[in-house]
Amino acid sequence: VEPSLPRGRAHPQPTVTQAPLVLMGDGLAHSASGAFEGFEIFIKYLPHSTTEPQLSAFFGEAGTIVGAPRLLKDGKGACKGCGWITFEKREALDEALTWNGCAFGGRHLQISKGKAAHTGFRPSLQAAGTHTPAMLPEIVARLVQPSPDGVVVDATYGRGGHTRGMIAALSARGVCHAFDMDAEAVTDGKALAAEERRFTIHHAPFSRMAATLPHLAETPSGGGGGVAAILFDLGISSPQFDEAHRGFRPEADGPLDLRFDQSRGQTAHEFLSTAPRAEITRVLRSFGETSDGAAAQRVADAIVLARQDGALPSRTKEFAALVARAKGCEYQAMHPAKLTFQALRVHLNDEFGECSRGLEAARSLLCPGGRIGVITWKHSECALVVDFFRRHEAVRDEMPQARWYQAQVTAGRAPPLQPGAALVMEATVRPSAAELQANSRSRSAVLHIMKRVEAPTVAELERRLYPLLQWPLPEGAGGHGEGAGGALGEACPAKKGHRPKGVAKEARGGGAGSGGHMCVYLRVKQRPQRPLGCVYLRVKTAA
């Protein structure tokens, strides 16, 4: 720090050309409850060595500071170049704003009025290397408290924030298991397991939870067999994101890795060094630049050209700069390379495939009445959860399709639906105002809760209903139980004198005792781009 350098009205202005004063917000600081706290400035271009006491001493000359300065820090606790200071009086705010462009620690600061994030709340900070669990009270209330004696699973341990909260809500009989692929997370989990006898950590992807915990399918849990609650917190944890050596952030300088489990699989640099241009484009377009195909193509082209010249960067900061040059300006408030990093991370860790397999594994372990909770952070993750739910959604009595089919059952024209392990979706949950104030990183989080019930599924209803109406089944339907005409591909005798609407009278034929012929129809598995229908055959019968 250079406290002797000029700043403020009491000193001559710096001789360097000052950056223009940027008034980005109103500078009024409020708590989550709406209480006024003071007048806030936002400071950019702070040296990495900056500390809170240094800022207090430097800006204290402008006026009384409320609380301690707030610095944005990396995983090692070093300043990331920006921070906030709240003053007691507006006069102090106005004085500090006149210091815009002043020298501090060898740099010239940009000072502007503080502004709220797009959530409506000021950004929050957390201790270096820690992870603040999103919506922990809501998760405990909806997943753990209904069955405190049961078995619960945290499918994404991270640094154990959710796990510790779930364990604390369990009774002495309750048990908690957790999964993670990150070696550092597993080390943290083993330390917790040494202190907590009810907890076990598994170094494995959560898609293997059913294979890892087969005994739990028969273990009494909350009054029934299986697991009482399973939590997924999708995406990347704060410690992983903040640690430069993991390569997850375009702003940080580290190896271009992007793997959750650094003991297996290709690094991002290895993938980009060998993947065909078309494959790189597909990955970027599918998992990152989903709304800008041209950007995905241009970034892929830049990568391939750099590779041909032997100049493909192996460090995150250099690679991010290459992507930024290829893409150009970013219309969203984020680094131009953010979506490229996201796409590579999703691909290398097979995040979407792992999520789908993990949800299916979780459903297979749930006890009747058990719940699956999923925290999603972006639309693509929400889509995966909704697709999974639709495959196992329970039939609702008010559905027009269910009422129509029930009328056919009552008339004896269709068999009744059989109950199975189905799911009902509860209302989604979002962070409270108080949480957004304390943990602004949770602003994008959405909590989905699905409960297992014994009921027919909508997919099963459709498999039986559509053939009766001569409608093609939705693509991908079938193969999970019997359809309207029996099991998929099974020949079923047609009722004497009955034929579905639209089938020619000549196609009906007689029964088994009518001229040695029997009318049957087959449900044929739908193929892509081909409609599904009932195929009527006249089968020669033996005596």
Protein backbone atom coordinates (compact mmCIF):
# COMPACT_ATOMS: atom_id res chain seq x y z
CA VAL A 1 0.00 0.00 0.00
CA GLU A 2 1.17 3.50 -0.78
CA PRO A 3 -0.68 5.72 1.74
CA SER A 4 1.54 8.69 0.97
CA LEU A 5 0.32 8.92 -2.62
CA PRO A 6 -2.25 11.66 -3.30
CA ARG A 7 -5.93 10.97 -3.11
CA GLY A 8 -9.09 12.81 -2.08
CA ARG A 9 -9.96 16.49 -1.91
CA ALA A 10 -7.34 17.20 0.79
CA HIS A 11 -4.56 16.19 -1.60
CA PRO A 12 -3.59 17.18 -5.12
CA GLN A 13 -5.05 14.86 -7.73
CA PRO A 14 -2.79 12.18 -9.31
CA THR A 15 -0.95 13.24 -12.40
CA VAL A 16 -1.96 10.05 -14.22
CA THR A 17 -5.02 10.16 -16.45
CA GLN A 18 -7.95 9.12 -14.30
CA ALA A 19 -10.55 6.59 -15.38
CA PRO A 20 -13.98 8.16 -15.72
CA LEU A 21 -16.22 7.92 -12.70
CA VAL A 22 -18.56 4.96 -13.21
CA LEU A 23 -21.88 5.33 -11.39
CA MET A 24 -23.22 1.79 -11.72
CA GLY A 25 -25.67 1.78 -8.81
CA ASP A 26 -27.30 3.91 -6.18
CA GLY A 27 -24.79 3.01 -3.46
CA LEU A 28 -27.52 2.27 -0.92
CA ALA A 29 -26.83 -0.91 1.06
CA HIS A 30 -29.77 -2.85 2.50
CA SER A 31 -29.99 -6.12 4.40
CA ALA A 32 -32.22 -9.01 3.30
CA SER A 33 -34.95 -7.71 5.59
CA GLY A 34 -34.78 -4.32 3.86
CA ALA A 35 -33.05 -2.50 6.71
CA PHE A 36 -30.77 0.33 5.58
CA GLU A 37 -27.10 -0.36 6.41
CA GLY A 38 -25.17 2.50 4.82
CA PHE A 39 -23.60 3.80 1.60
CA GLU A 40 -21.46 1.37 -0.33
CA ILE A 41 -18.65 1.66 -2.87
CA PHE A 42 -17.39 -1.04 -5.22
CA ILE A 43 -13.62 -1.15 -5.82
CA LYS A 44 -11.88 -2.80 -8.78
CA TYR A 45 -8.23 -3.49 -9.67
CA LEU A 46 -7.08 -4.15 -6.11
CA PRO A 47 -3.69 -5.90 -5.78
CA HIS A 48 -3.86 -9.61 -4.93
CA SER A 49 -2.01 -8.92 -1.69
CA THR A 50 -4.72 -6.54 -0.40
CA THR A 51 -6.09 -7.20 3.09
CA GLU A 52 -9.15 -5.88 4.91
CA PRO A 53 -7.10 -3.86 7.47
CA GLN A 54 -5.22 -2.14 4.64
CA LEU A 55 -8.48 -1.08 2.99
CA SER A 56 -9.91 0.11 6.31
CA ALA A 57 -6.85 2.27 6.95
CA PHE A 58 -6.82 3.63 3.40
CA PHE A 59 -10.50 4.50 3.03
CA GLY A 60 -11.06 5.40 6.68
CA GLU A 61 -9.95 8.92 5.84
CA ALA A 62 -13.10 9.36 3.75
CA GLY A 63 -15.38 8.71 6.71
CA THR A 64 -16.64 6.13 9.20
CA ILE A 65 -16.78 2.60 7.79
CA VAL A 66 -19.63 0.25 8.80
CA GLY A 67 -18.23 -3.21 9.57
CA ALA A 68 -15.17 -4.59 7.84
CA PRO A 69 -14.37 -4.22 4.13
CA ARG A 70 -15.46 -7.19 2.04
CA LEU A 71 -12.94 -8.71 -0.39
CA LEU A 72 -13.69 -11.23 -3.12
CA LYS A 73 -11.10 -13.99 -2.60
CA ASP A 74 -9.87 -17.08 -4.39
CA GLY A 75 -9.59 -20.58 -2.96
CA LYS A 76 -6.32 -19.75 -1.22
CA GLY A 77 -7.64 -16.61 0.45
CA ALA A 78 -5.96 -14.07 -1.83
CA CYS A 79 -7.83 -11.01 -3.06
CA LYS A 80 -9.28 -11.52 -6.56
CA GLY A 81 -9.09 -7.81 -7.37
CA CYS A 82 -12.32 -6.34 -6.10
CA GLY A 83 -14.15 -5.52 -2.88
CA TRP A 84 -16.82 -3.45 -1.16
CA ILE A 85 -16.79 -0.85 1.62
CA THR A 86 -19.89 0.50 3.38
CA PHE A 87 -19.80 3.99 4.87
CA GLU A 88 -22.01 5.38 7.58
CA LYS A 89 -22.76 8.68 5.81
CA ARG A 90 -23.36 9.76 2.24
CA GLU A 91 -20.67 12.44 2.57
CA ALA A 92 -18.10 9.66 3.02
CA LEU A 93 -19.42 7.90 -0.08
CA ASP A 94 -19.17 11.09 -2.12
CA GLU A 95 -15.63 11.70 -0.85
CA ALA A 96 -14.50 8.16 -1.72
CA LEU A 97 -15.95 8.47 -5.22
CA THR A 98 -13.68 11.45 -5.90
CA TRP A 99 -10.71 9.12 -5.33
CA ASN A 100 -11.54 7.15 -8.48
CA GLY A 101 -8.24 6.48 -10.29
CA CYS A 102 -6.09 6.92 -7.17
CA ALA A 103 -2.96 4.83 -6.63
CA PHE A 104 -3.03 1.86 -4.26
CA GLY A 105 -0.36 -0.80 -4.03
CA GLY A 106 1.05 0.05 -7.44
CA ARG A 107 -2.33 0.03 -9.15
CA HIS A 108 -4.93 2.66 -9.97
CA LEU A 109 -8.33 1.81 -8.52
CA GLN A 110 -11.72 2.09 -10.15
CA ILE A 111 -14.23 3.23 -7.52
CA SER A 112 -17.97 3.33 -8.16
CA LYS A 113 -21.21 3.22 -6.24
CA GLY A 114 -22.13 -0.25 -5.06
CA LYS A 115 -25.03 -1.94 -6.77
CA ALA A 116 -27.21 -4.93 -6.05
CA ALA A 117 -26.83 -8.10 -8.07
CA HIS A 118 -29.59 -8.97 -10.54
CA THR A 119 -31.25 -10.89 -7.70
CA GLY A 120 -31.86 -7.58 -5.96
CA PHE A 121 -29.29 -8.24 -3.23
CA ARG A 122 -25.66 -7.31 -2.71
CA PRO A 123 -23.14 -10.04 -3.57
CA SER A 124 -22.04 -12.16 -0.62
CA LEU A 125 -18.64 -13.60 0.21
CA GLN A 126 -17.55 -16.86 1.79
CA ALA A 127 -14.42 -18.15 3.42
CA ALA A 128 -11.68 -19.38 1.09
CA GLY A 129 -11.89 -23.07 0.24
CA THR A 130 -15.38 -23.47 1.68
CA HIS A 131 -18.74 -24.24 0.12
CA THR A 132 -21.95 -22.75 1.42
CA PRO A 133 -24.74 -25.32 0.89
CA ALA A 134 -27.75 -23.97 -0.97
CA MET A 135 -31.21 -24.18 0.63
CA LEU A 136 -30.04 -26.39 3.51
CA PRO A 137 -33.05 -25.68 5.80
CA GLU A 138 -35.47 -26.51 2.98
CA ILE A 139 -33.60 -29.73 2.19
CA VAL A 140 -33.60 -30.86 5.81
CA ALA A 141 -37.31 -30.09 6.19
CA ARG A 142 -38.39 -31.87 3.00
CA LEU A 143 -35.94 -34.78 2.77
CA VAL A 144 -34.74 -35.70 6.26
CA GLN A 145 -37.38 -34.69 8.78
CA PRO A 146 -40.13 -36.92 7.31
CA SER A 147 -37.97 -40.02 8.14
CA PRO A 148 -35.31 -39.11 10.74
CA ASP A 149 -34.71 -42.81 11.54
CA GLY A 150 -34.06 -43.73 7.93
CA VAL A 151 -31.17 -43.97 5.49
CA VAL A 152 -30.30 -40.82 3.55
CA VAL A 153 -27.81 -40.38 0.72
CA ASP A 154 -25.94 -37.25 -0.36
CA ALA A 155 -25.05 -38.12 -3.94
CA THR A 156 -22.74 -35.08 -4.29
CA TYR A 157 -20.68 -34.69 -1.11
CA GLY A 158 -18.50 -31.74 -2.21
CA ARG A 159 -17.22 -30.40 1.10
CA GLY A 160 -20.01 -31.90 3.17
CA GLY A 161 -22.18 -28.84 3.76
CA HIS A 162 -25.45 -30.59 2.95
CA THR A 163 -24.21 -33.85 4.45
CA ARG A 164 -23.49 -32.35 7.85
CA GLY A 165 -26.87 -30.64 7.92
CA MET A 166 -28.65 -33.89 7.02
CA ILE A 167 -26.75 -35.88 9.64
CA ALA A 168 -27.61 -33.32 12.30
CA ALA A 169 -31.32 -33.81 11.52
CA LEU A 170 -31.14 -37.62 11.76
CA SER A 171 -31.97 -39.53 14.91
CA ALA A 172 -29.46 -41.85 16.59
CA ARG A 173 -30.83 -44.66 14.38
CA GLY A 174 -30.44 -42.74 11.14
CA VAL A 175 -27.64 -43.44 8.65
CA CYS A 176 -26.07 -41.27 5.95
CA HIS A 177 -24.05 -42.30 2.89
CA ALA A 178 -22.34 -39.91 0.49
CA PHE A 179 -20.68 -40.18 -2.92
CA ASP A 180 -18.08 -38.09 -4.74
CA MET A 181 -15.54 -38.55 -7.53
CA ASP A 182 -13.24 -35.77 -6.29
CA ALA A 183 -10.27 -37.11 -4.31
CA GLU A 184 -10.10 -33.96 -2.18
CA ALA A 185 -13.80 -34.26 -1.35
CA VAL A 186 -13.35 -37.91 -0.37
CA THR A 187 -10.46 -36.95 1.93
CA ASP A 188 -12.74 -34.45 3.65
CA GLY A 189 -15.47 -37.09 3.84
CA LYS A 190 -13.15 -39.63 5.47
CA ALA A 191 -12.32 -37.10 8.16
CA LEU A 192 -16.04 -36.66 8.83
CA ALA A 193 -16.58 -40.44 8.86
CA ALA A 194 -13.88 -40.77 11.53
CA GLU A 195 -15.89 -38.44 13.76
CA GLU A 196 -19.41 -39.59 12.88
CA ARG A 197 -20.28 -43.31 13.14
CA ARG A 198 -23.55 -42.85 11.21
CA PHE A 199 -21.74 -41.64 8.10
CA THR A 200 -19.90 -43.42 5.24
CA ILE A 201 -18.21 -41.81 2.23
CA HIS A 202 -17.86 -43.66 -1.10
CA HIS A 203 -15.26 -42.69 -3.73
CA ALA A 204 -17.49 -43.48 -6.70
CA PRO A 205 -19.81 -41.75 -9.16
CA PHE A 206 -23.36 -41.46 -7.89
CA SER A 207 -24.59 -43.52 -10.86
CA ARG A 208 -23.14 -46.53 -9.01
CA MET A 209 -25.06 -45.98 -5.79
CA ALA A 210 -27.38 -48.92 -6.43
CA ALA A 211 -24.42 -51.22 -7.10
CA THR A 212 -22.54 -49.83 -4.08
CA LEU A 213 -25.50 -50.05 -1.69
CA PRO A 214 -27.49 -53.13 -2.83
CA HIS A 215 -28.23 -54.17 0.75
CA LEU A 216 -30.21 -51.00 1.38
CA ALA A 217 -32.99 -52.16 -0.91
CA GLU A 218 -34.01 -54.63 1.81
CA THR A 219 -33.01 -52.59 4.88
CA PRO A 220 -35.96 -51.14 6.80
CA SER A 221 -35.87 -47.39 6.38
CA GLY A 222 -38.50 -45.08 7.73
CA GLY A 223 -41.05 -47.89 7.99
CA GLY A 224 -40.34 -49.48 4.60
CA GLY A 225 -37.56 -51.08 2.59
CA GLY A 226 -35.00 -48.93 0.85
CA VAL A 227 -33.61 -45.42 1.23
CA ALA A 228 -35.69 -42.61 2.72
CA ALA A 229 -34.09 -39.64 0.92
CA ILE A 230 -31.46 -38.96 -1.73
CA LEU A 231 -30.03 -35.52 -2.55
CA PHE A 232 -28.29 -34.42 -5.77
CA ASP A 233 -26.60 -31.01 -5.97
CA LEU A 234 -25.69 -30.89 -9.65
CA GLY A 235 -22.87 -28.94 -11.25
CA ILE A 236 -19.62 -27.82 -9.70
CA SER A 237 -18.89 -26.98 -6.08
CA SER A 238 -17.40 -23.65 -4.99
CA PRO A 239 -14.03 -25.15 -3.88
CA GLN A 240 -13.61 -26.87 -7.25
CA PHE A 241 -14.50 -23.67 -9.06
CA ASP A 242 -12.14 -21.54 -6.97
CA GLU A 243 -9.08 -23.85 -7.13
CA ALA A 244 -6.94 -22.75 -10.08
CA HIS A 245 -5.16 -26.12 -10.42
CA ARG A 246 -8.48 -27.75 -11.38
CA GLY A 247 -8.80 -25.53 -14.46
CA PHE A 248 -12.52 -24.81 -14.12
CA ARG A 249 -12.36 -21.00 -14.33
CA PRO A 250 -11.31 -19.04 -17.42
CA GLU A 251 -10.15 -16.13 -15.23
CA ALA A 252 -7.72 -18.26 -13.20
CA ASP A 253 -4.35 -19.56 -14.39
CA GLY A 254 -3.94 -23.31 -14.09
CA PRO A 255 -3.59 -26.48 -16.17
CA LEU A 256 -6.37 -27.04 -18.71
CA ASP A 257 -7.81 -30.06 -16.88
CA LEU A 258 -11.56 -29.75 -16.04
CA ARG A 259 -11.96 -33.29 -14.60
CA PHE A 260 -13.81 -33.94 -11.36
CA ASP A 261 -11.75 -37.09 -10.76
CA GLN A 262 -8.19 -36.22 -11.73
CA SER A 263 -7.07 -39.84 -11.42
CA ARG A 264 -8.89 -41.01 -14.55
CA GLY A 265 -9.99 -39.91 -18.00
CA GLN A 266 -8.73 -37.31 -20.46
CA THR A 267 -7.87 -33.77 -19.50
CA ALA A 268 -9.42 -30.97 -21.54
CA HIS A 269 -6.07 -30.32 -23.22
CA GLU A 270 -5.70 -33.99 -24.18
CA PHE A 271 -9.20 -34.06 -25.63
CA LEU A 272 -8.67 -30.89 -27.66
CA SER A 273 -5.30 -32.17 -28.90
CA THR A 274 -6.84 -35.23 -30.59
CA ALA A 275 -10.59 -34.71 -31.13
CA PRO A 276 -11.82 -34.11 -34.69
CA ARG A 277 -13.02 -30.63 -35.52
CA ALA A 278 -16.61 -31.86 -35.91
CA GLU A 279 -16.55 -33.47 -32.46
CA ILE A 280 -15.23 -30.31 -30.79
CA THR A 281 -17.97 -28.32 -32.50
CA ARG A 282 -20.62 -30.81 -31.35
CA VAL A 283 -19.46 -30.65 -27.74
CA LEU A 284 -19.40 -26.85 -27.67
CA ARG A 285 -22.79 -26.57 -29.36
CA SER A 286 -24.49 -29.28 -27.27
CA PHE A 287 -23.24 -28.35 -23.82
CA GLY A 288 -22.18 -24.71 -24.01
CA GLU A 289 -23.07 -22.40 -26.89
CA THR A 290 -26.54 -23.93 -27.24
CA SER A 291 -28.07 -20.73 -28.61
CA ASP A 292 -25.14 -19.60 -30.76
CA GLY A 293 -24.03 -22.30 -33.17
CA ALA A 294 -21.83 -19.89 -35.08
CA ALA A 295 -19.83 -19.11 -31.94
CA ALA A 296 -19.34 -22.82 -31.25
CA GLN A 297 -18.06 -23.36 -34.78
CA ARG A 298 -15.67 -20.40 -34.67
CA VAL A 299 -14.22 -21.40 -31.32
CA ALA A 300 -13.71 -24.96 -32.61
CA ASP A 301 -12.02 -23.60 -35.75
CA ALA A 302 -9.66 -21.48 -33.65
CA ILE A 303 -8.75 -24.49 -31.52
CA VAL A 304 -7.99 -26.66 -34.54
CA LEU A 305 -5.90 -23.93 -36.20
CA ALA A 306 -3.89 -23.44 -33.01
CA ARG A 307 -3.39 -27.19 -32.80
CA GLN A 308 -2.15 -27.39 -36.38
CA ASP A 309 0.40 -24.66 -35.62
CA GLY A 310 1.53 -26.46 -32.45
CA ALA A 311 0.27 -23.55 -30.37
CA LEU A 312 -2.74 -25.05 -28.55
CA PRO A 313 -2.61 -23.57 -25.02
CA SER A 314 -2.25 -25.95 -22.10
CA ARG A 315 -3.08 -23.31 -19.46
CA THR A 316 -6.55 -22.00 -18.68
CA LYS A 317 -5.82 -18.29 -18.99
CA GLU A 318 -4.10 -18.65 -22.38
CA PHE A 319 -6.87 -20.94 -23.65
CA ALA A 320 -9.55 -18.52 -22.44
CA ALA A 321 -7.82 -15.72 -24.33
CA LEU A 322 -7.83 -17.83 -27.52
CA VAL A 323 -11.55 -18.51 -27.13
CA ALA A 324 -12.28 -14.82 -26.48
CA ARG A 325 -10.42 -13.80 -29.64
CA ALA A 326 -12.40 -16.32 -31.69
CA LYS A 327 -15.80 -15.49 -30.21
CA GLY A 328 -15.54 -11.75 -29.85
CA CYS A 329 -17.57 -9.70 -27.42
CA GLU A 330 -19.99 -11.47 -25.08
CA TYR A 331 -23.46 -9.95 -24.77
CA GLN A 332 -24.01 -11.56 -21.36
CA ALA A 333 -22.32 -10.38 -18.17
CA MET A 334 -19.73 -13.16 -18.12
CA HIS A 335 -16.35 -14.13 -19.51
CA PRO A 336 -16.53 -14.93 -23.27
CA ALA A 337 -14.93 -18.34 -22.59
CA LYS A 338 -17.28 -19.37 -19.77
CA LEU A 339 -19.61 -21.46 -21.92
CA THR A 340 -16.69 -23.15 -23.67
CA PHE A 341 -15.26 -24.18 -20.30
CA GLN A 342 -18.71 -25.37 -19.24
CA ALA A 343 -19.14 -27.46 -22.38
CA LEU A 344 -15.76 -29.15 -22.01
CA ARG A 345 -16.40 -29.87 -18.32
CA VAL A 346 -19.82 -31.40 -19.01
CA HIS A 347 -18.41 -33.56 -21.81
CA LEU A 348 -15.26 -34.75 -20.06
CA ASN A 349 -17.15 -35.75 -16.91
CA ASP A 350 -20.21 -37.06 -18.81
CA GLU A 351 -22.32 -34.94 -16.49
CA PHE A 352 -25.63 -35.38 -18.31
CA GLY A 353 -25.25 -39.13 -18.76
CA GLU A 354 -24.10 -39.49 -15.17
CA CYS A 355 -27.10 -37.47 -13.99
CA SER A 356 -29.59 -39.65 -15.87
CA ARG A 357 -28.02 -42.87 -14.63
CA GLY A 358 -27.77 -41.53 -11.10
CA LEU A 359 -31.45 -40.57 -10.96
CA GLU A 360 -32.46 -44.03 -12.16
CA ALA A 361 -30.19 -45.62 -9.55
CA ALA A 362 -31.72 -43.42 -6.87
CA ARG A 363 -35.27 -44.42 -7.83
CA SER A 364 -34.34 -48.09 -7.60
CA LEU A 365 -33.23 -47.59 -3.97
CA LEU A 366 -36.14 -45.47 -2.72
CA CYS A 367 -38.53 -46.88 -0.15
CA PRO A 368 -42.29 -46.24 -0.57
CA GLY A 369 -42.77 -42.60 0.40
CA GLY A 370 -39.05 -41.90 -0.09
CA ARG A 371 -37.96 -38.67 -1.75
CA ILE A 372 -35.38 -37.57 -4.30
CA GLY A 373 -34.20 -33.96 -4.07
CA VAL A 374 -32.28 -32.39 -6.95
CA ILE A 375 -30.71 -28.92 -6.94
CA THR A 376 -30.28 -27.64 -10.49
CA TRP A 377 -28.39 -24.52 -11.56
CA LYS A 378 -29.14 -24.16 -15.27
CA HIS A 379 -31.89 -24.97 -17.74
CA SER A 380 -30.16 -28.03 -19.20
CA GLU A 381 -30.05 -29.65 -15.75
CA CYS A 382 -33.72 -28.82 -15.16
CA ALA A 383 -34.55 -30.50 -18.48
CA LEU A 384 -32.79 -33.70 -17.40
CA VAL A 385 -34.77 -33.80 -14.15
CA VAL A 386 -38.07 -33.17 -15.93
CA ASP A 387 -37.33 -35.90 -18.52
CA PHE A 388 -36.58 -38.36 -15.71
CA PHE A 389 -39.76 -37.41 -13.87
CA ARG A 390 -41.91 -37.78 -17.01
CA ARG A 391 -40.67 -41.35 -17.46
CA HIS A 392 -41.93 -42.28 -13.99
CA GLU A 393 -44.73 -39.77 -13.36
CA ALA A 394 -47.73 -41.19 -11.50
CA VAL A 395 -51.13 -41.10 -13.17
CA ARG A 396 -53.34 -38.31 -11.82
CA ASP A 397 -57.06 -38.99 -11.49
CA GLU A 398 -57.98 -35.67 -13.11
CA MET A 399 -56.08 -36.46 -16.33
CA PRO A 400 -58.51 -36.69 -19.30
CA GLN A 401 -56.51 -39.65 -20.62
CA ALA A 402 -56.91 -41.50 -17.33
CA ARG A 403 -60.68 -40.89 -17.28
CA TRP A 404 -61.10 -42.07 -20.87
CA TYR A 405 -59.10 -45.22 -20.25
CA GLN A 406 -60.97 -45.97 -17.04
CA ALA A 407 -64.20 -45.86 -19.03
CA GLN A 408 -62.77 -48.54 -21.34
CA VAL A 409 -61.83 -50.63 -18.29
CA THR A 410 -65.34 -50.28 -16.89
CA ALA A 411 -66.81 -51.34 -20.25
CA GLY A 412 -64.55 -54.39 -20.34
CA ARG A 413 -62.61 -53.20 -23.37
CA ALA A 414 -59.25 -52.75 -21.62
CA PRO A 415 -57.41 -54.27 -18.64
CA PRO A 416 -56.91 -52.17 -15.50
CA LEU A 417 -53.61 -50.38 -14.99
CA GLN A 418 -51.23 -51.99 -12.52
CA PRO A 419 -49.54 -49.89 -9.80
CA GLY A 420 -45.76 -49.66 -9.58
CA ALA A 421 -42.98 -47.45 -8.28
CA ALA A 422 -44.11 -44.07 -9.62
CA LEU A 423 -43.16 -40.48 -8.73
CA VAL A 424 -45.08 -37.33 -7.86
CA MET A 425 -43.41 -33.91 -8.09
CA GLU A 426 -43.79 -31.37 -5.31
CA ALA A 427 -43.66 -27.62 -5.95
CA THR A 428 -40.14 -26.41 -6.75
CA VAL A 429 -38.29 -24.41 -4.10
CA ARG A 430 -36.02 -21.39 -4.61
CA PRO A 431 -33.68 -19.58 -2.21
CA SER A 432 -35.27 -17.23 0.29
CA ALA A 433 -34.50 -13.52 0.43
CA ALA A 434 -32.40 -14.07 3.54
CA GLU A 435 -30.34 -16.75 1.81
CA LEU A 436 -29.70 -14.59 -1.24
CA GLN A 437 -28.31 -11.91 1.06
CA ALA A 438 -26.04 -14.39 2.86
CA ASN A 439 -25.09 -16.53 -0.16
CA SER A 440 -25.57 -14.77 -3.49
CA ARG A 441 -24.14 -17.78 -5.36
CA SER A 442 -27.41 -19.60 -4.64
CA ARG A 443 -29.43 -17.21 -6.84
CA SER A 444 -29.72 -19.72 -9.72
CA ALA A 445 -30.54 -22.74 -7.58
CA VAL A 446 -33.85 -24.59 -7.95
CA LEU A 447 -34.78 -27.50 -5.67
CA HIS A 448 -36.92 -30.26 -7.21
CA ILE A 449 -38.54 -32.81 -4.86
CA MET A 450 -39.95 -36.11 -6.18
CA LYS A 451 -41.74 -38.61 -3.93
CA ARG A 452 -42.17 -42.32 -4.60
CA VAL A 453 -45.75 -43.61 -4.56
CA GLU A 454 -47.33 -46.92 -5.54
CA ALA A 455 -49.40 -46.02 -8.59
CA PRO A 456 -49.57 -46.62 -12.36
CA THR A 457 -47.30 -44.38 -14.40
CA VAL A 458 -48.45 -42.03 -17.15
CA ALA A 459 -46.05 -43.77 -19.51
CA GLU A 460 -47.82 -47.08 -18.84
CA LEU A 461 -51.21 -45.42 -19.38
CA GLU A 462 -50.02 -44.11 -22.75
CA ARG A 463 -48.69 -47.53 -23.78
CA ARG A 464 -52.13 -49.01 -23.22
CA LEU A 465 -54.24 -46.05 -24.34
CA TYR A 466 -52.63 -45.14 -27.67
CA PRO A 467 -53.14 -48.49 -29.47
CA LEU A 468 -56.83 -48.41 -28.53
CA LEU A 469 -57.10 -45.04 -30.28
CA GLN A 470 -54.85 -46.08 -33.17
CA TRP A 471 -52.37 -43.36 -32.20
CA PRO A 472 -48.61 -43.79 -32.64
CA LEU A 473 -46.73 -44.13 -29.36
CA PRO A 474 -44.33 -41.30 -28.44
CA GLU A 475 -40.78 -41.91 -29.62
CA GLY A 476 -38.94 -44.04 -27.08
CA ALA A 477 -42.12 -45.41 -25.51
CA GLY A 478 -42.58 -49.08 -24.88
CA GLY A 479 -40.42 -51.77 -23.42
CA HIS A 480 -41.34 -51.15 -19.78
CA GLY A 481 -44.12 -53.57 -19.03
CA GLU A 482 -47.18 -54.68 -20.97
CA GLY A 483 -49.04 -52.56 -23.44
CA ALA A 484 -52.68 -52.53 -24.45
CA GLY A 485 -52.29 -55.78 -26.31
CA GLY A 486 -50.07 -57.53 -23.79
CA ALA A 487 -46.30 -57.49 -23.55
CA LEU A 488 -44.46 -55.68 -26.31
CA GLY A 489 -44.39 -57.91 -29.41
CA GLU A 490 -46.74 -60.50 -27.87
CA ALA A 491 -49.57 -61.90 -30.00
CA CYS A 492 -52.93 -61.42 -28.24
CA PRO A 493 -56.21 -62.98 -29.31
CA ALA A 494 -58.72 -60.38 -30.44
CA LYS A 495 -62.17 -60.49 -28.87
CA LYS A 496 -64.75 -62.16 -31.07
CA GLY A 497 -66.68 -59.59 -33.01
CA HIS A 498 -64.39 -56.73 -31.90
CA ARG A 499 -62.04 -54.70 -34.01
CA PRO A 500 -60.56 -51.28 -33.33
CA LYS A 501 -61.92 -48.39 -35.35
CA GLY A 502 -60.39 -48.14 -38.82
CA VAL A 503 -59.64 -51.87 -39.26
CA ALA A 504 -61.37 -53.47 -42.22
CA LYS A 505 -64.08 -56.02 -41.44
CA GLU A 506 -62.29 -58.65 -43.58
CA ALA A 507 -59.23 -58.36 -41.35
CA ARG A 508 -61.11 -59.58 -38.30
CA GLY A 509 -61.68 -63.23 -39.30
CA GLY A 510 -63.01 -65.84 -36.95
CA GLY A 511 -61.95 -67.24 -33.63
CA ALA A 512 -59.87 -70.31 -32.94
CA GLY A 513 -62.83 -72.54 -33.68
CA SER A 514 -64.02 -70.67 -36.76
CA GLY A 515 -62.66 -72.24 -39.90
CA GLY A 516 -59.33 -73.13 -38.27
CA HIS A 517 -58.22 -69.49 -38.14
CA MET A 518 -57.69 -67.16 -35.20
CA CYS A 519 -57.46 -63.37 -35.41
CA VAL A 520 -54.56 -61.88 -33.49
CA TYR A 521 -52.86 -58.51 -33.49
CA LEU A 522 -49.30 -57.60 -32.66
CA ARG A 523 -47.95 -54.46 -31.07
CA VAL A 524 -44.87 -53.60 -33.06
CA LYS A 525 -42.03 -51.63 -31.46
CA GLN A 526 -41.88 -48.18 -32.95
CA ARG A 527 -38.83 -47.35 -35.01
CA PRO A 528 -37.54 -43.82 -35.59
CA GLN A 529 -39.59 -41.91 -38.19
CA ARG A 530 -42.07 -44.83 -38.54
CA PRO A 531 -45.60 -44.82 -37.12
CA LEU A 532 -46.75 -47.49 -34.70
CA GLY A 533 -49.95 -49.41 -35.41
CA CYS A 534 -51.69 -52.70 -34.79
CA VAL A 535 -50.83 -55.42 -37.33
CA TYR A 536 -53.61 -57.98 -37.86
CA LEU A 537 -52.59 -61.49 -38.88
CA ARG A 538 -54.65 -64.52 -39.82
CA VAL A 539 -52.95 -67.47 -38.18
CA LYS A 540 -53.50 -71.09 -39.24
CA THR A 541 -54.25 -73.12 -36.12
CA ALA A 542 -53.72 -76.78 -35.49
CA ALA A 543 -56.60 -79.08 -34.63
